[in-house]
Each structure stands twice: as C-alpha cells, then as structure tokens.
Amino acid sequence: MSDTRSVPPTVGDIVVFRHAGTLFIFRVAGVGNDILAIVNGDLIRNAENLGTFHARAGAKKAYSLDMTPVRVEPGHVYLLGDNRDNNNDSRFMGQVNLENVVGKVTGIRFSKEWSRIGTIFP
C-alpha cells in the first residue's frame, strides 16, 4: 500500500520512486542538506550515529560498511536499501529528485512471509 499525497518524505520513510522508467522502493536515509556517511556499517546523519539504520545484519561488502561523507542536494533524497550488500540504491544510482518520488509506503498487503501481511507503517 502507498500514500500518493504530495507530503515531503522524511528520514526513515519507505518511498516508491521512478528511475529510468521503472518504479523502485527504498528507505529515505537523508533529505536536502543532510550530510551522510557510513562508518563500520553504521549510518551517520549530521554527526548522529543512527546505527545500522534498518540494514540486515551481516553486511560484508566494503561498500556496505563504509561510505565517504556526502551532502544531500536540496530538493533530493538519499535512499538506502535494507539489504545493503544487494541493493542498487543511491550509493550507485545517485540521489533522487523529489519530483521522481511517487508515494510513501504505508503497509504490506502481499508478502511471501505471511506474518508481514497487514503490517502498517507510521
């Protein structure tokens, strides 16, 4: 399920966005003017350590464990996948213009994991 009202995404939101004609879903790690880095697998946002920030445990690839600081451009969001070793997120595709954000994920309607069906996100 997704909310398509034009409410600006905030850090932690899961958003649907369009990139190269395809829809993707990732979590917002930073918004305009935030400074982000990854140090030993932890996300650092504006000098605050957010821990693994929803990442699955056991990341092993260097690009999942460390990232040099980057400033999020105004009017953009920086997106990270929860499975850092296997996601083509903003670390690879770049920051996403807010114009390409289609909506915010609000819940899970279908899943291979039955226990997740019906989960609602704030």
PDB file of N, CA and C in Angstrom:
ATOM      1  N   MET A   1       0.845  -1.169   0.000  1.00  0.00           N
ATOM      2  CA  MET A   1       0.000   0.000   0.000  1.00  0.00           C
ATOM      3  C   MET A   1       0.889   1.229   0.000  1.00  0.00           C
ATOM      4  N   SER A   2       0.439   2.297  -0.651  1.00  0.00           N
ATOM      5  CA  SER A   2       1.226   3.527  -0.644  1.00  0.00           C
ATOM      6  C   SER A   2       0.307   4.734  -0.606  1.00  0.00           C
ATOM      7  N   ASP A   3       0.835   5.796  -0.035  1.00  0.00           N
ATOM      8  CA  ASP A   3       0.155   7.078   0.061  1.00  0.00           C
ATOM      9  C   ASP A   3       0.765   7.960  -1.012  1.00  0.00           C
ATOM     10  N   THR A   4      -0.032   8.434  -1.956  1.00  0.00           N
ATOM     11  CA  THR A   4       0.498   9.217  -3.070  1.00  0.00           C
ATOM     12  C   THR A   4       0.275  10.720  -2.901  1.00  0.00           C
ATOM     13  N   ARG A   5      -0.184  11.146  -1.727  1.00  0.00           N
ATOM     14  CA  ARG A   5      -0.313  12.589  -1.498  1.00  0.00           C
ATOM     15  C   ARG A   5       1.070  13.211  -1.516  1.00  0.00           C
ATOM     16  N   SER A   6       1.138  14.478  -1.885  1.00  0.00           N
ATOM     17  CA  SER A   6       2.448  15.126  -2.025  1.00  0.00           C
ATOM     18  C   SER A   6       2.961  15.644  -0.682  1.00  0.00           C
ATOM     19  N   VAL A   7       3.277  14.724   0.210  1.00  0.00           N
ATOM     20  CA  VAL A   7       3.866  15.063   1.502  1.00  0.00           C
ATOM     21  C   VAL A   7       5.363  14.786   1.392  1.00  0.00           C
ATOM     22  N   PRO A   8       6.210  15.760   1.739  1.00  0.00           N
ATOM     23  CA  PRO A   8       7.652  15.520   1.601  1.00  0.00           C
ATOM     24  C   PRO A   8       8.099  14.322   2.443  1.00  0.00           C
ATOM     25  N   PRO A   9       8.917  13.444   1.865  1.00  0.00           N
ATOM     26  CA  PRO A   9       9.395  12.291   2.629  1.00  0.00           C
ATOM     27  C   PRO A   9      10.334  12.720   3.748  1.00  0.00           C
ATOM     28  N   THR A  10      10.349  11.940   4.819  1.00  0.00           N
ATOM     29  CA  THR A  10      11.239  12.201   5.937  1.00  0.00           C
ATOM     30  C   THR A  10      12.158  10.995   6.127  1.00  0.00           C
ATOM     31  N   VAL A  11      13.221  11.195   6.876  1.00  0.00           N
ATOM     32  CA  VAL A  11      14.186  10.122   7.131  1.00  0.00           C
ATOM     33  C   VAL A  11      13.465   8.947   7.792  1.00  0.00           C
ATOM     34  N   GLY A  12      13.695   7.760   7.245  1.00  0.00           N
ATOM     35  CA  GLY A  12      13.068   6.541   7.744  1.00  0.00           C
ATOM     36  C   GLY A  12      11.874   6.096   6.920  1.00  0.00           C
ATOM     37  N   ASP A  13      11.266   7.011   6.162  1.00  0.00           N
ATOM     38  CA  ASP A  13      10.138   6.638   5.299  1.00  0.00           C
ATOM     39  C   ASP A  13      10.611   5.674   4.218  1.00  0.00           C
ATOM     40  N   ILE A  14       9.720   4.790   3.807  1.00  0.00           N
ATOM     41  CA  ILE A  14       9.966   3.921   2.657  1.00  0.00           C
ATOM     42  C   ILE A  14       9.171   4.530   1.508  1.00  0.00           C
ATOM     43  N   VAL A  15       9.861   4.848   0.405  1.00  0.00           N
ATOM     44  CA  VAL A  15       9.209   5.538  -0.695  1.00  0.00           C
ATOM     45  C   VAL A  15       9.268   4.737  -1.984  1.00  0.00           C
ATOM     46  N   VAL A  16       8.296   5.017  -2.833  1.00  0.00           N
ATOM     47  CA  VAL A  16       8.257   4.500  -4.200  1.00  0.00           C
ATOM     48  C   VAL A  16       8.719   5.647  -5.088  1.00  0.00           C
ATOM     49  N   PHE A  17       9.663   5.370  -5.996  1.00  0.00           N
ATOM     50  CA  PHE A  17      10.151   6.420  -6.882  1.00  0.00           C
ATOM     51  C   PHE A  17      10.409   5.857  -8.263  1.00  0.00           C
ATOM     52  N   ARG A  18      10.450   6.778  -9.218  1.00  0.00           N
ATOM     53  CA  ARG A  18      10.675   6.404 -10.611  1.00  0.00           C
ATOM     54  C   ARG A  18      12.116   6.724 -10.984  1.00  0.00           C
ATOM     55  N   HIS A  19      12.784   5.717 -11.585  1.00  0.00           N
ATOM     56  CA  HIS A  19      14.158   5.911 -12.075  1.00  0.00           C
ATOM     57  C   HIS A  19      14.278   5.180 -13.400  1.00  0.00           C
ATOM     58  N   ALA A  20      14.650   5.897 -14.439  1.00  0.00           N
ATOM     59  CA  ALA A  20      14.818   5.329 -15.778  1.00  0.00           C
ATOM     60  C   ALA A  20      13.579   4.543 -16.222  1.00  0.00           C
ATOM     61  N   GLY A  21      12.391   5.080 -15.917  1.00  0.00           N
ATOM     62  CA  GLY A  21      11.149   4.470 -16.366  1.00  0.00           C
ATOM     63  C   GLY A  21      10.665   3.286 -15.543  1.00  0.00           C
ATOM     64  N   THR A  22      11.360   2.967 -14.450  1.00  0.00           N
ATOM     65  CA  THR A  22      10.987   1.825 -13.603  1.00  0.00           C
ATOM     66  C   THR A  22      10.715   2.315 -12.187  1.00  0.00           C
ATOM     67  N   LEU A  23       9.772   1.666 -11.501  1.00  0.00           N
ATOM     68  CA  LEU A  23       9.483   2.009 -10.115  1.00  0.00           C
ATOM     69  C   LEU A  23      10.352   1.179  -9.176  1.00  0.00           C
ATOM     70  N   PHE A  24      10.888   1.825  -8.152  1.00  0.00           N
ATOM     71  CA  PHE A  24      11.708   1.185  -7.128  1.00  0.00           C
ATOM     72  C   PHE A  24      11.181   1.568  -5.759  1.00  0.00           C
ATOM     73  N   ILE A  25      11.566   0.802  -4.744  1.00  0.00           N
ATOM     74  CA  ILE A  25      11.184   1.096  -3.358  1.00  0.00           C
ATOM     75  C   ILE A  25      12.440   1.022  -2.495  1.00  0.00           C
ATOM     76  N   PHE A  26      12.750   2.125  -1.807  1.00  0.00           N
ATOM     77  CA  PHE A  26      13.876   2.179  -0.872  1.00  0.00           C
ATOM     78  C   PHE A  26      13.519   3.069   0.310  1.00  0.00           C
ATOM     79  N   ARG A  27      14.373   3.033   1.331  1.00  0.00           N
ATOM     80  CA  ARG A  27      14.176   3.821   2.550  1.00  0.00           C
ATOM     81  C   ARG A  27      14.954   5.134   2.457  1.00  0.00           C
ATOM     82  N   VAL A  28      14.333   6.224   2.928  1.00  0.00           N
ATOM     83  CA  VAL A  28      14.967   7.538   2.931  1.00  0.00           C
ATOM     84  C   VAL A  28      15.995   7.600   4.063  1.00  0.00           C
ATOM     85  N   ALA A  29      17.259   7.807   3.704  1.00  0.00           N
ATOM     86  CA  ALA A  29      18.334   7.932   4.685  1.00  0.00           C
ATOM     87  C   ALA A  29      18.675   9.393   4.941  1.00  0.00           C
ATOM     88  N   GLY A  30      18.405  10.257   3.973  1.00  0.00           N
ATOM     89  CA  GLY A  30      18.715  11.669   4.138  1.00  0.00           C
ATOM     90  C   GLY A  30      17.893  12.525   3.204  1.00  0.00           C
ATOM     91  N   VAL A  31      17.648  13.756   3.630  1.00  0.00           N
ATOM     92  CA  VAL A  31      16.909  14.739   2.831  1.00  0.00           C
ATOM     93  C   VAL A  31      17.820  15.931   2.576  1.00  0.00           C
ATOM     94  N   GLY A  32      17.344  16.898   1.818  1.00  0.00           N
ATOM     95  CA  GLY A  32      18.158  18.038   1.405  1.00  0.00           C
ATOM     96  C   GLY A  32      19.011  18.639   2.512  1.00  0.00           C
ATOM     97  N   ASN A  33      20.292  18.814   2.209  1.00  0.00           N
ATOM     98  CA  ASN A  33      21.316  19.403   3.078  1.00  0.00           C
ATOM     99  C   ASN A  33      21.815  18.497   4.195  1.00  0.00           C
ATOM    100  N   ASP A  34      21.282  17.291   4.340  1.00  0.00           N
ATOM    101  CA  ASP A  34      21.845  16.342   5.304  1.00  0.00           C
ATOM    102  C   ASP A  34      23.231  15.918   4.838  1.00  0.00           C
ATOM    103  N   ILE A  35      24.096  15.613   5.783  1.00  0.00           N
ATOM    104  CA  ILE A  35      25.401  15.041   5.475  1.00  0.00           C
ATOM    105  C   ILE A  35      25.390  13.609   5.981  1.00  0.00           C
ATOM    106  N   LEU A  36      25.633  12.665   5.066  1.00  0.00           N
ATOM    107  CA  LEU A  36      25.565  11.241   5.372  1.00  0.00           C
ATOM    108  C   LEU A  36      26.912  10.572   5.169  1.00  0.00           C
ATOM    109  N   ALA A  37      27.169   9.574   6.001  1.00  0.00           N
ATOM    110  CA  ALA A  37      28.347   8.717   5.846  1.00  0.00           C
ATOM    111  C   ALA A  37      27.985   7.357   6.426  1.00  0.00           C
ATOM    112  N   ILE A  38      28.726   6.339   6.024  1.00  0.00           N
ATOM    113  CA  ILE A  38      28.594   5.020   6.640  1.00  0.00           C
ATOM    114  C   ILE A  38      29.966   4.674   7.198  1.00  0.00           C
ATOM    115  N   VAL A  39      29.997   4.359   8.496  1.00  0.00           N
ATOM    116  CA  VAL A  39      31.243   4.029   9.185  1.00  0.00           C
ATOM    117  C   VAL A  39      31.045   2.699   9.908  1.00  0.00           C
ATOM    118  N   ASN A  40      31.836   1.704   9.533  1.00  0.00           N
ATOM    119  CA  ASN A  40      31.729   0.357  10.122  1.00  0.00           C
ATOM    120  C   ASN A  40      30.293  -0.183  10.087  1.00  0.00           C
ATOM    121  N   GLY A  41      29.567   0.122   9.013  1.00  0.00           N
ATOM    122  CA  GLY A  41      28.212  -0.378   8.830  1.00  0.00           C
ATOM    123  C   GLY A  41      27.124   0.488   9.440  1.00  0.00           C
ATOM    124  N   ASP A  42      27.495   1.504  10.218  1.00  0.00           N
ATOM    125  CA  ASP A  42      26.516   2.401  10.834  1.00  0.00           C
ATOM    126  C   ASP A  42      26.310   3.643   9.971  1.00  0.00           C
ATOM    127  N   LEU A  43      25.058   4.081   9.856  1.00  0.00           N
ATOM    128  CA  LEU A  43      24.749   5.306   9.126  1.00  0.00           C
ATOM    129  C   LEU A  43      24.951   6.497  10.060  1.00  0.00           C
ATOM    130  N   ILE A  44      25.735   7.472   9.607  1.00  0.00           N
ATOM    131  CA  ILE A  44      25.952   8.704  10.348  1.00  0.00           C
ATOM    132  C   ILE A  44      25.221   9.803   9.578  1.00  0.00           C
ATOM    133  N   ARG A  45      24.247  10.439  10.227  1.00  0.00           N
ATOM    134  CA  ARG A  45      23.472  11.514   9.596  1.00  0.00           C
ATOM    135  C   ARG A  45      23.657  12.778  10.426  1.00  0.00           C
ATOM    136  N   ASN A  46      24.258  13.788   9.821  1.00  0.00           N
ATOM    137  CA  ASN A  46      24.500  15.056  10.514  1.00  0.00           C
ATOM    138  C   ASN A  46      25.186  14.834  11.860  1.00  0.00           C
ATOM    139  N   ALA A  47      26.212  14.000  11.848  1.00  0.00           N
ATOM    140  CA  ALA A  47      27.044  13.673  13.019  1.00  0.00           C
ATOM    141  C   ALA A  47      26.324  12.820  14.060  1.00  0.00           C
ATOM    142  N   GLU A  48      25.109  12.353  13.778  1.00  0.00           N
ATOM    143  CA  GLU A  48      24.389  11.466  14.698  1.00  0.00           C
ATOM    144  C   GLU A  48      24.472  10.034  14.181  1.00  0.00           C
ATOM    145  N   ASN A  49      24.900   9.127  15.025  1.00  0.00           N
ATOM    146  CA  ASN A  49      25.003   7.720  14.637  1.00  0.00           C
ATOM    147  C   ASN A  49      23.616   7.081  14.738  1.00  0.00           C
ATOM    148  N   LEU A  50      23.079   6.654  13.593  1.00  0.00           N
ATOM    149  CA  LEU A  50      21.759   6.016  13.545  1.00  0.00           C
ATOM    150  C   LEU A  50      21.862   4.494  13.577  1.00  0.00           C
ATOM    151  N   GLY A  51      23.049   3.983  13.889  1.00  0.00           N
ATOM    152  CA  GLY A  51      23.247   2.531  13.929  1.00  0.00           C
ATOM    153  C   GLY A  51      23.145   1.943  12.539  1.00  0.00           C
ATOM    154  N   THR A  52      22.722   0.710  12.450  1.00  0.00           N
ATOM    155  CA  THR A  52      22.637   0.057  11.143  1.00  0.00           C
ATOM    156  C   THR A  52      21.483   0.585  10.296  1.00  0.00           C
ATOM    157  N   PHE A  53      20.602   1.389  10.869  1.00  0.00           N
ATOM    158  CA  PHE A  53      19.500   2.041  10.149  1.00  0.00           C
ATOM    159  C   PHE A  53      18.741   1.054   9.265  1.00  0.00           C
ATOM    160  N   HIS A  54      18.133   0.069   9.886  1.00  0.00           N
ATOM    161  CA  HIS A  54      17.264  -0.912   9.240  1.00  0.00           C
ATOM    162  C   HIS A  54      17.985  -1.913   8.348  1.00  0.00           C
ATOM    163  N   ALA A  55      19.305  -1.839   8.264  1.00  0.00           N
ATOM    164  CA  ALA A  55      20.045  -2.776   7.413  1.00  0.00           C
ATOM    165  C   ALA A  55      20.015  -4.170   8.036  1.00  0.00           C
ATOM    166  N   ARG A  56      19.952  -5.164   7.187  1.00  0.00           N
ATOM    167  CA  ARG A  56      20.042  -6.543   7.651  1.00  0.00           C
ATOM    168  C   ARG A  56      21.407  -6.794   8.256  1.00  0.00           C
ATOM    169  N   ALA A  57      21.446  -7.609   9.273  1.00  0.00           N
ATOM    170  CA  ALA A  57      22.722  -7.944   9.914  1.00  0.00           C
ATOM    171  C   ALA A  57      23.594  -8.741   8.949  1.00  0.00           C
ATOM    172  N   GLY A  58      24.884  -8.625   9.133  1.00  0.00           N
ATOM    173  CA  GLY A  58      25.806  -9.456   8.373  1.00  0.00           C
ATOM    174  C   GLY A  58      26.315  -8.873   7.084  1.00  0.00           C
ATOM    175  N   ALA A  59      26.186  -7.554   6.887  1.00  0.00           N
ATOM    176  CA  ALA A  59      26.748  -6.944   5.679  1.00  0.00           C
ATOM    177  C   ALA A  59      28.246  -7.216   5.646  1.00  0.00           C
ATOM    178  N   LYS A  60      28.737  -7.592   4.467  1.00  0.00           N
ATOM    179  CA  LYS A  60      30.142  -7.979   4.355  1.00  0.00           C
ATOM    180  C   LYS A  60      30.907  -7.188   3.310  1.00  0.00           C
ATOM    181  N   LYS A  61      30.208  -6.627   2.343  1.00  0.00           N
ATOM    182  CA  LYS A  61      30.889  -5.942   1.254  1.00  0.00           C
ATOM    183  C   LYS A  61      31.354  -4.561   1.705  1.00  0.00           C
ATOM    184  N   ALA A  62      32.526  -4.156   1.239  1.00  0.00           N
ATOM    185  CA  ALA A  62      33.142  -2.891   1.662  1.00  0.00           C
ATOM    186  C   ALA A  62      32.209  -1.707   1.449  1.00  0.00           C
ATOM    187  N   TYR A  63      31.464  -1.672   0.327  1.00  0.00           N
ATOM    188  CA  TYR A  63      30.579  -0.540   0.056  1.00  0.00           C
ATOM    189  C   TYR A  63      29.384  -0.498   0.995  1.00  0.00           C
ATOM    190  N   SER A  64      29.119  -1.582   1.727  1.00  0.00           N
ATOM    191  CA  SER A  64      28.043  -1.588   2.717  1.00  0.00           C
ATOM    192  C   SER A  64      28.536  -1.160   4.090  1.00  0.00           C
ATOM    193  N   LEU A  65      29.838  -1.242   4.292  1.00  0.00           N
ATOM    194  CA  LEU A  65      30.407  -0.960   5.610  1.00  0.00           C
ATOM    195  C   LEU A  65      30.951   0.460   5.743  1.00  0.00           C
ATOM    196  N   ASP A  66      31.377   1.058   4.638  1.00  0.00           N
ATOM    197  CA  ASP A  66      31.956   2.405   4.706  1.00  0.00           C
ATOM    198  C   ASP A  66      31.581   3.218   3.471  1.00  0.00           C
ATOM    199  N   MET A  67      31.267   4.492   3.706  1.00  0.00           N
ATOM    200  CA  MET A  67      30.956   5.419   2.627  1.00  0.00           C
ATOM    201  C   MET A  67      31.467   6.792   3.040  1.00  0.00           C
ATOM    202  N   THR A  68      32.208   7.436   2.163  1.00  0.00           N
ATOM    203  CA  THR A  68      32.703   8.775   2.473  1.00  0.00           C
ATOM    204  C   THR A  68      31.523   9.739   2.588  1.00  0.00           C
ATOM    205  N   PRO A  69      31.655  10.797   3.379  1.00  0.00           N
ATOM    206  CA  PRO A  69      30.543  11.732   3.572  1.00  0.00           C
ATOM    207  C   PRO A  69      30.040  12.329   2.258  1.00  0.00           C
ATOM    208  N   VAL A  70      28.740  12.478   2.187  1.00  0.00           N
ATOM    209  CA  VAL A  70      28.085  13.077   1.027  1.00  0.00           C
ATOM    210  C   VAL A  70      26.996  14.020   1.537  1.00  0.00           C
ATOM    211  N   ARG A  71      26.861  15.161   0.876  1.00  0.00           N
ATOM    212  CA  ARG A  71      25.788  16.113   1.222  1.00  0.00           C
ATOM    213  C   ARG A  71      24.615  15.881   0.264  1.00  0.00           C
ATOM    214  N   VAL A  72      23.423  15.762   0.829  1.00  0.00           N
ATOM    215  CA  VAL A  72      22.227  15.575   0.009  1.00  0.00           C
ATOM    216  C   VAL A  72      21.848  16.934  -0.579  1.00  0.00           C
ATOM    217  N   GLU A  73      21.660  16.961  -1.884  1.00  0.00           N
ATOM    218  CA  GLU A  73      21.305  18.198  -2.576  1.00  0.00           C
ATOM    219  C   GLU A  73      19.899  18.640  -2.187  1.00  0.00           C
ATOM    220  N   PRO A  74      19.658  19.956  -2.086  1.00  0.00           N
ATOM    221  CA  PRO A  74      18.291  20.432  -1.838  1.00  0.00           C
ATOM    222  C   PRO A  74      17.354  19.899  -2.923  1.00  0.00           C
ATOM    223  N   GLY A  75      16.150  19.528  -2.529  1.00  0.00           N
ATOM    224  CA  GLY A  75      15.178  19.000  -3.484  1.00  0.00           C
ATOM    225  C   GLY A  75      15.404  17.547  -3.856  1.00  0.00           C
ATOM    226  N   HIS A  76      16.276  16.859  -3.100  1.00  0.00           N
ATOM    227  CA  HIS A  76      16.591  15.458  -3.369  1.00  0.00           C
ATOM    228  C   HIS A  76      16.504  14.634  -2.078  1.00  0.00           C
ATOM    229  N   VAL A  77      16.471  13.334  -2.234  1.00  0.00           N
ATOM    230  CA  VAL A  77      16.577  12.409  -1.110  1.00  0.00           C
ATOM    231  C   VAL A  77      17.683  11.410  -1.421  1.00  0.00           C
ATOM    232  N   TYR A  78      18.291  10.892  -0.361  1.00  0.00           N
ATOM    233  CA  TYR A  78      19.306   9.851  -0.487  1.00  0.00           C
ATOM    234  C   TYR A  78      18.676   8.583   0.040  1.00  0.00           C
ATOM    235  N   LEU A  79      18.649   7.547  -0.776  1.00  0.00           N
ATOM    236  CA  LEU A  79      17.924   6.325  -0.450  1.00  0.00           C
ATOM    237  C   LEU A  79      18.875   5.154  -0.242  1.00  0.00           C
ATOM    238  N   LEU A  80      18.590   4.340   0.775  1.00  0.00           N
ATOM    239  CA  LEU A  80      19.362   3.129   1.040  1.00  0.00           C
ATOM    240  C   LEU A  80      18.412   1.949   1.136  1.00  0.00           C
ATOM    241  N   GLY A  81      18.859   0.818   0.605  1.00  0.00           N
ATOM    242  CA  GLY A  81      18.103  -0.416   0.754  1.00  0.00           C
ATOM    243  C   GLY A  81      18.421  -1.065   2.087  1.00  0.00           C
ATOM    244  N   ASP A  82      17.489  -1.830   2.611  1.00  0.00           N
ATOM    245  CA  ASP A  82      17.706  -2.509   3.891  1.00  0.00           C
ATOM    246  C   ASP A  82      18.671  -3.679   3.754  1.00  0.00           C
ATOM    247  N   ASN A  83      18.831  -4.204   2.538  1.00  0.00           N
ATOM    248  CA  ASN A  83      19.787  -5.277   2.280  1.00  0.00           C
ATOM    249  C   ASN A  83      20.977  -4.646   1.551  1.00  0.00           C
ATOM    250  N   ARG A  84      21.852  -3.974   2.307  1.00  0.00           N
ATOM    251  CA  ARG A  84      22.899  -3.129   1.730  1.00  0.00           C
ATOM    252  C   ARG A  84      23.829  -3.839   0.768  1.00  0.00           C
ATOM    253  N   ASP A  85      24.116  -5.123   1.002  1.00  0.00           N
ATOM    254  CA  ASP A  85      25.034  -5.836   0.109  1.00  0.00           C
ATOM    255  C   ASP A  85      24.426  -6.077  -1.273  1.00  0.00           C
ATOM    256  N   ASN A  86      23.111  -6.050  -1.386  1.00  0.00           N
ATOM    257  CA  ASN A  86      22.457  -6.437  -2.641  1.00  0.00           C
ATOM    258  C   ASN A  86      21.460  -5.411  -3.159  1.00  0.00           C
ATOM    259  N   ASN A  87      21.667  -4.133  -2.892  1.00  0.00           N
ATOM    260  CA  ASN A  87      20.757  -3.107  -3.390  1.00  0.00           C
ATOM    261  C   ASN A  87      21.489  -2.087  -4.239  1.00  0.00           C
ATOM    262  N   ASN A  88      20.852  -1.716  -5.333  1.00  0.00           N
ATOM    263  CA  ASN A  88      21.366  -0.679  -6.216  1.00  0.00           C
ATOM    264  C   ASN A  88      20.682   0.629  -5.837  1.00  0.00           C
ATOM    265  N   ASP A  89      21.078   1.188  -4.692  1.00  0.00           N
ATOM    266  CA  ASP A  89      20.426   2.368  -4.132  1.00  0.00           C
ATOM    267  C   ASP A  89      21.205   3.638  -4.480  1.00  0.00           C
ATOM    268  N   SER A  90      21.033   4.712  -3.714  1.00  0.00           N
ATOM    269  CA  SER A  90      21.680   5.992  -4.035  1.00  0.00           C
ATOM    270  C   SER A  90      23.197   5.929  -4.036  1.00  0.00           C
ATOM    271  N   ARG A  91      23.776   4.927  -3.383  1.00  0.00           N
ATOM    272  CA  ARG A  91      25.232   4.787  -3.436  1.00  0.00           C
ATOM    273  C   ARG A  91      25.687   4.526  -4.867  1.00  0.00           C
ATOM    274  N   PHE A  92      24.807   3.979  -5.697  1.00  0.00           N
ATOM    275  CA  PHE A  92      25.153   3.621  -7.076  1.00  0.00           C
ATOM    276  C   PHE A  92      24.368   4.435  -8.102  1.00  0.00           C
ATOM    277  N   MET A  93      23.077   4.663  -7.864  1.00  0.00           N
ATOM    278  CA  MET A  93      22.252   5.372  -8.849  1.00  0.00           C
ATOM    279  C   MET A  93      22.166   6.868  -8.592  1.00  0.00           C
ATOM    280  N   GLY A  94      22.710   7.320  -7.470  1.00  0.00           N
ATOM    281  CA  GLY A  94      22.713   8.744  -7.160  1.00  0.00           C
ATOM    282  C   GLY A  94      21.485   9.174  -6.369  1.00  0.00           C
ATOM    283  N   GLN A  95      21.496  10.429  -6.021  1.00  0.00           N
ATOM    284  CA  GLN A  95      20.386  10.994  -5.263  1.00  0.00           C
ATOM    285  C   GLN A  95      19.154  11.092  -6.143  1.00  0.00           C
ATOM    286  N   VAL A  96      17.983  11.054  -5.512  1.00  0.00           N
ATOM    287  CA  VAL A  96      16.722  11.050  -6.255  1.00  0.00           C
ATOM    288  C   VAL A  96      16.022  12.395  -6.082  1.00  0.00           C
ATOM    289  N   ASN A  97      15.685  13.006  -7.200  1.00  0.00           N
ATOM    290  CA  ASN A  97      14.944  14.260  -7.187  1.00  0.00           C
ATOM    291  C   ASN A  97      13.559  14.011  -6.606  1.00  0.00           C
ATOM    292  N   LEU A  98      13.091  14.926  -5.743  1.00  0.00           N
ATOM    293  CA  LEU A  98      11.768  14.764  -5.126  1.00  0.00           C
ATOM    294  C   LEU A  98      10.654  14.652  -6.163  1.00  0.00           C
ATOM    295  N   GLU A  99      10.867  15.216  -7.354  1.00  0.00           N
ATOM    296  CA  GLU A  99       9.859  15.112  -8.412  1.00  0.00           C
ATOM    297  C   GLU A  99       9.637  13.671  -8.847  1.00  0.00           C
ATOM    298  N   ASN A 100      10.630  12.803  -8.616  1.00  0.00           N
ATOM    299  CA  ASN A 100      10.520  11.401  -9.026  1.00  0.00           C
ATOM    300  C   ASN A 100       9.958  10.497  -7.931  1.00  0.00           C
ATOM    301  N   VAL A 101       9.720  11.057  -6.739  1.00  0.00           N
ATOM    302  CA  VAL A 101       9.107  10.277  -5.662  1.00  0.00           C
ATOM    303  C   VAL A 101       7.609  10.212  -5.919  1.00  0.00           C
ATOM    304  N   VAL A 102       7.090   8.996  -6.051  1.00  0.00           N
ATOM    305  CA  VAL A 102       5.689   8.772  -6.409  1.00  0.00           C
ATOM    306  C   VAL A 102       4.803   8.668  -5.176  1.00  0.00           C
ATOM    307  N   GLY A 103       5.311   8.074  -4.100  1.00  0.00           N
ATOM    308  CA  GLY A 103       4.498   7.904  -2.901  1.00  0.00           C
ATOM    309  C   GLY A 103       5.303   7.315  -1.765  1.00  0.00           C
ATOM    310  N   LYS A 104       4.642   7.218  -0.613  1.00  0.00           N
ATOM    311  CA  LYS A 104       5.241   6.666   0.602  1.00  0.00           C
ATOM    312  C   LYS A 104       4.556   5.334   0.907  1.00  0.00           C
ATOM    313  N   VAL A 105       5.353   4.313   1.179  1.00  0.00           N
ATOM    314  CA  VAL A 105       4.787   3.006   1.516  1.00  0.00           C
ATOM    315  C   VAL A 105       4.157   3.099   2.904  1.00  0.00           C
ATOM    316  N   THR A 106       2.918   2.639   3.021  1.00  0.00           N
ATOM    317  CA  THR A 106       2.199   2.732   4.292  1.00  0.00           C
ATOM    318  C   THR A 106       1.895   1.375   4.907  1.00  0.00           C
ATOM    319  N   GLY A 107       2.085   0.312   4.141  1.00  0.00           N
ATOM    320  CA  GLY A 107       1.801  -1.010   4.701  1.00  0.00           C
ATOM    321  C   GLY A 107       2.128  -2.122   3.721  1.00  0.00           C
ATOM    322  N   ILE A 108       2.026  -3.344   4.228  1.00  0.00           N
ATOM    323  CA  ILE A 108       2.313  -4.532   3.413  1.00  0.00           C
ATOM    324  C   ILE A 108       1.008  -5.286   3.193  1.00  0.00           C
ATOM    325  N   ARG A 109       0.654  -5.423   1.943  1.00  0.00           N
ATOM    326  CA  ARG A 109      -0.565  -6.130   1.595  1.00  0.00           C
ATOM    327  C   ARG A 109      -0.274  -7.561   1.138  1.00  0.00           C
ATOM    328  N   PHE A 110       0.856  -7.761   0.443  1.00  0.00           N
ATOM    329  CA  PHE A 110       1.243  -9.081  -0.045  1.00  0.00           C
ATOM    330  C   PHE A 110       2.693  -9.343   0.339  1.00  0.00           C
ATOM    331  N   SER A 111       2.998 -10.564   0.742  1.00  0.00           N
ATOM    332  CA  SER A 111       4.364 -10.931   1.095  1.00  0.00           C
ATOM    333  C   SER A 111       4.497 -12.443   1.088  1.00  0.00           C
ATOM    334  N   LYS A 112       5.709 -12.922   0.799  1.00  0.00           N
ATOM    335  CA  LYS A 112       5.980 -14.359   0.916  1.00  0.00           C
ATOM    336  C   LYS A 112       5.993 -14.773   2.378  1.00  0.00           C
ATOM    337  N   GLU A 113       6.241 -13.807   3.261  1.00  0.00           N
ATOM    338  CA  GLU A 113       6.235 -14.064   4.702  1.00  0.00           C
ATOM    339  C   GLU A 113       4.857 -13.680   5.251  1.00  0.00           C
ATOM    340  N   TRP A 114       4.037 -14.661   5.531  1.00  0.00           N
ATOM    341  CA  TRP A 114       2.661 -14.438   5.970  1.00  0.00           C
ATOM    342  C   TRP A 114       2.565 -13.503   7.156  1.00  0.00           C
ATOM    343  N   SER A 115       3.547 -13.576   8.064  1.00  0.00           N
ATOM    344  CA  SER A 115       3.481 -12.746   9.272  1.00  0.00           C
ATOM    345  C   SER A 115       3.601 -11.254   8.975  1.00  0.00           C
ATOM    346  N   ARG A 116       4.118 -10.890   7.812  1.00  0.00           N
ATOM    347  CA  ARG A 116       4.282  -9.469   7.455  1.00  0.00           C
ATOM    348  C   ARG A 116       3.032  -8.867   6.845  1.00  0.00           C
ATOM    349  N   ILE A 117       2.132  -9.689   6.330  1.00  0.00           N
ATOM    350  CA  ILE A 117       0.916  -9.173   5.691  1.00  0.00           C
ATOM    351  C   ILE A 117       0.086  -8.424   6.728  1.00  0.00           C
ATOM    352  N   GLY A 118      -0.315  -7.219   6.352  1.00  0.00           N
ATOM    353  CA  GLY A 118      -1.101  -6.396   7.256  1.00  0.00           C
ATOM    354  C   GLY A 118      -0.276  -5.424   8.079  1.00  0.00           C
ATOM    355  N   THR A 119       1.037  -5.510   7.961  1.00  0.00           N
ATOM    356  CA  THR A 119       1.897  -4.574   8.685  1.00  0.00           C
ATOM    357  C   THR A 119       1.621  -3.162   8.189  1.00  0.00           C
ATOM    358  N   ILE A 120       1.464  -2.224   9.130  1.00  0.00           N
ATOM    359  CA  ILE A 120       1.216  -0.833   8.793  1.00  0.00           C
ATOM    360  C   ILE A 120       2.409  -0.007   9.257  1.00  0.00           C
ATOM    361  N   PHE A 121       2.849   0.933   8.423  1.00  0.00           N
ATOM    362  CA  PHE A 121       3.963   1.814   8.768  1.00  0.00           C
ATOM    363  C   PHE A 121       3.402   3.177   9.146  1.00  0.00           C
ATOM    364  N   PRO A 122       4.016   3.814  10.145  1.00  0.00           N
ATOM    365  CA  PRO A 122       3.531   5.147  10.552  1.00  0.00           C
ATOM    366  C   PRO A 122       3.762   6.186   9.479  1.00  0.00           C
TER     367      PRO A 122
END
